[in-house]
Amino acid sequence: MKAELSTLCYLERDGQYLMLHRTVKKKDVNKDKWIGVGGHFEQDESPEECVLREVWEETGYTLTRMRFRGLVTFVAENHPTDYMHLFTADGFEGTPHACDEGELAWVDKKDVLDLNLWMGDKIFFKLLRDEAPFFSLKLVYNAAGNLTDAVLNGKRIDPIAFLEE
């Protein structure tokens, strides 16, 4: 299978993240999960060009200040490996519009981990919260969607112990 390239961005304002509750597509690996906004690269796009386009398409916002926070490698049975470029943005402008992939909601950062998230997402939320320098995170999932391995900056980590630190 050919690898995929994608972006994901968490817009921030007033102690909140803009989250997307994926509820629309019937065949969606993220069905009923809460994620950031983003998507797959188009031909010849840079990570920055992709995230700018995807955020505008899904929210109506134009990013004016963003940070490239890390590279997350998703490995899952029966899916191509996805190299996801993770951004946060605290500068944006424009008029929000509805998203055709689910419902957008501003969620207090302290409440995000209570949402229906992938286990690996909880790891990168901790890295974002802790202001970790640019990181590389590999997350391996089995066919049932359970996280089976996590490697941070080349070193295997125990996800549960990491989240409890």
Protein backbone atom coordinates (compact mmCIF):
# COMPACT_ATOMS: atom_id res chain seq x y z
CA MET A 1 0.00 0.00 0.00
CA LYS A 2 1.14 3.50 -0.76
CA ALA A 3 1.78 5.87 2.16
CA GLU A 4 -0.44 8.90 2.70
CA LEU A 5 0.40 12.46 3.75
CA SER A 6 -1.98 14.53 5.84
CA THR A 7 -2.23 17.50 8.17
CA LEU A 8 -4.10 18.08 11.40
CA CYS A 9 -4.53 21.41 13.16
CA TYR A 10 -5.89 22.41 16.54
CA LEU A 11 -7.06 26.02 16.52
CA GLU A 12 -6.72 27.63 19.96
CA ARG A 13 -8.56 30.50 21.62
CA ASP A 14 -9.40 31.41 25.21
CA GLY A 15 -8.14 28.10 26.66
CA GLN A 16 -10.08 26.04 24.11
CA TYR A 17 -9.40 23.89 21.05
CA LEU A 18 -11.65 23.82 18.00
CA MET A 19 -12.63 20.16 17.71
CA LEU A 20 -14.40 18.28 14.93
CA HIS A 21 -16.83 15.53 15.91
CA ARG A 22 -16.71 13.18 12.91
CA THR A 23 -20.31 12.07 12.42
CA VAL A 24 -21.19 12.45 8.74
CA LYS A 25 -19.33 9.92 6.59
CA LYS A 26 -20.58 6.34 6.87
CA LYS A 27 -17.19 4.74 6.04
CA ASP A 28 -14.88 6.89 8.15
CA VAL A 29 -11.96 5.54 10.18
CA ASN A 30 -12.64 8.48 12.54
CA LYS A 31 -16.42 7.88 12.81
CA ASP A 32 -17.76 9.30 16.12
CA LYS A 33 -14.25 10.42 17.19
CA TRP A 34 -13.27 13.98 18.05
CA ILE A 35 -10.26 15.25 16.11
CA GLY A 36 -8.78 18.50 14.86
CA VAL A 37 -9.30 19.85 11.36
CA GLY A 38 -7.15 18.90 8.42
CA GLY A 39 -6.85 16.40 5.64
CA HIS A 40 -4.81 14.89 2.87
CA PHE A 41 -2.22 16.65 0.76
CA GLU A 42 -3.03 17.58 -2.81
CA GLN A 43 -0.41 17.23 -5.55
CA ASP A 44 2.74 19.32 -4.88
CA GLU A 45 1.44 20.89 -1.63
CA SER A 46 3.74 21.63 1.29
CA PRO A 47 2.51 20.81 4.81
CA GLU A 48 1.79 24.51 5.37
CA GLU A 49 -0.15 24.88 2.12
CA CYS A 50 -2.19 21.77 2.94
CA VAL A 51 -3.08 22.86 6.47
CA LEU A 52 -4.02 26.37 5.31
CA ARG A 53 -6.32 24.95 2.61
CA GLU A 54 -7.85 22.25 4.80
CA VAL A 55 -8.54 24.58 7.73
CA TRP A 56 -10.25 27.07 5.41
CA GLU A 57 -12.29 24.34 3.68
CA GLU A 58 -13.48 22.79 6.96
CA THR A 59 -13.97 25.94 9.07
CA GLY A 60 -13.98 29.13 6.98
CA TYR A 61 -10.98 30.43 8.94
CA THR A 62 -7.75 31.66 7.36
CA LEU A 63 -4.76 30.94 9.61
CA THR A 64 -2.59 33.97 10.38
CA ARG A 65 -0.30 32.34 12.97
CA MET A 66 0.45 28.63 13.21
CA ARG A 67 3.14 26.33 14.60
CA PHE A 68 4.34 23.06 13.10
CA ARG A 69 4.46 20.90 16.24
CA GLY A 70 5.34 17.40 15.12
CA LEU A 71 5.17 14.51 12.70
CA VAL A 72 2.88 11.63 13.68
CA THR A 73 3.26 8.33 11.84
CA PHE A 74 0.07 6.26 11.97
CA VAL A 75 0.43 2.55 11.22
CA ALA A 76 -2.76 0.47 11.19
CA GLU A 77 -3.65 -2.97 9.89
CA ASN A 78 -5.33 -2.85 6.47
CA HIS A 79 -4.59 0.87 6.02
CA PRO A 80 -1.74 2.69 4.34
CA THR A 81 0.75 4.35 6.68
CA ASP A 82 -0.21 8.00 7.21
CA TYR A 83 2.42 10.65 7.92
CA MET A 84 0.38 13.33 9.67
CA HIS A 85 1.85 16.82 10.07
CA LEU A 86 0.54 18.27 13.34
CA PHE A 87 -0.05 22.01 13.75
CA THR A 88 -1.56 24.35 16.29
CA ALA A 89 -2.80 27.82 15.42
CA ASP A 90 -3.65 30.73 17.68
CA GLY A 91 -4.08 33.30 14.94
CA PHE A 92 -6.94 33.10 12.46
CA GLU A 93 -9.57 35.30 10.85
CA GLY A 94 -12.69 34.93 8.79
CA THR A 95 -16.29 33.89 9.14
CA PRO A 96 -16.82 30.31 10.28
CA HIS A 97 -18.99 28.01 8.19
CA ALA A 98 -20.43 24.54 8.77
CA CYS A 99 -18.18 21.55 8.13
CA ASP A 100 -19.41 18.78 5.84
CA GLU A 101 -17.51 16.12 7.85
CA GLY A 102 -19.18 16.66 11.23
CA GLU A 103 -19.87 19.26 13.91
CA LEU A 104 -17.29 21.82 14.98
CA ALA A 105 -17.18 22.82 18.66
CA TRP A 106 -14.90 24.87 20.89
CA VAL A 107 -13.90 22.62 23.80
CA ASP A 108 -12.05 23.67 26.97
CA LYS A 109 -8.55 22.19 26.86
CA LYS A 110 -9.11 20.69 30.32
CA ASP A 111 -12.11 18.75 28.95
CA VAL A 112 -10.61 17.46 25.69
CA LEU A 113 -9.35 14.17 27.15
CA ASP A 114 -12.93 13.34 28.22
CA LEU A 115 -14.04 13.22 24.57
CA ASN A 116 -14.11 10.09 22.40
CA LEU A 117 -10.48 10.28 21.19
CA TRP A 118 -7.99 7.82 19.79
CA MET A 119 -5.54 6.72 22.50
CA GLY A 120 -2.63 8.06 20.45
CA ASP A 121 -4.28 11.48 20.22
CA LYS A 122 -4.12 11.67 24.02
CA ILE A 123 -0.34 11.27 23.75
CA PHE A 124 0.09 14.18 21.38
CA PHE A 125 -2.33 16.33 23.39
CA LYS A 126 0.00 15.80 26.37
CA LEU A 127 2.98 16.78 24.20
CA LEU A 128 1.14 19.93 23.08
CA ARG A 129 0.12 20.78 26.66
CA ASP A 130 3.68 20.30 27.90
CA GLU A 131 5.03 22.54 25.09
CA ALA A 132 7.27 19.70 23.88
CA PRO A 133 9.74 20.75 21.21
CA PHE A 134 9.12 19.45 17.68
CA PHE A 135 8.54 15.71 17.99
CA SER A 136 8.19 12.53 15.96
CA LEU A 137 5.56 10.11 17.25
CA LYS A 138 4.82 6.69 15.76
CA LEU A 139 1.48 5.12 16.70
CA VAL A 140 0.63 1.54 15.76
CA TYR A 141 -2.99 0.33 15.86
CA ASN A 142 -4.43 -3.15 15.36
CA ALA A 143 -7.46 -3.90 13.17
CA ALA A 144 -9.79 -3.33 16.17
CA GLY A 145 -8.48 0.23 16.57
CA ASN A 146 -6.47 -0.45 19.73
CA LEU A 147 -3.10 1.21 20.19
CA THR A 148 -0.46 -1.55 20.30
CA ASP A 149 2.78 0.43 20.14
CA ALA A 150 3.99 4.00 20.58
CA VAL A 151 7.44 5.37 19.79
CA LEU A 152 8.37 8.95 20.70
CA ASN A 153 11.49 10.44 19.10
CA GLY A 154 12.80 6.94 18.37
CA LYS A 155 12.17 5.52 21.86
CA ARG A 156 9.35 3.11 22.71
CA ILE A 157 7.01 4.46 25.39
CA ASP A 158 4.30 2.89 27.53
CA PRO A 159 1.25 5.03 26.61
CA ILE A 160 -0.51 4.60 29.97
CA ALA A 161 2.59 5.46 32.00
CA PHE A 162 3.38 8.38 29.69
CA LEU A 163 -0.09 9.84 30.12
CA GLU A 164 0.14 9.52 33.92
CA GLU A 165 3.43 11.50 34.10
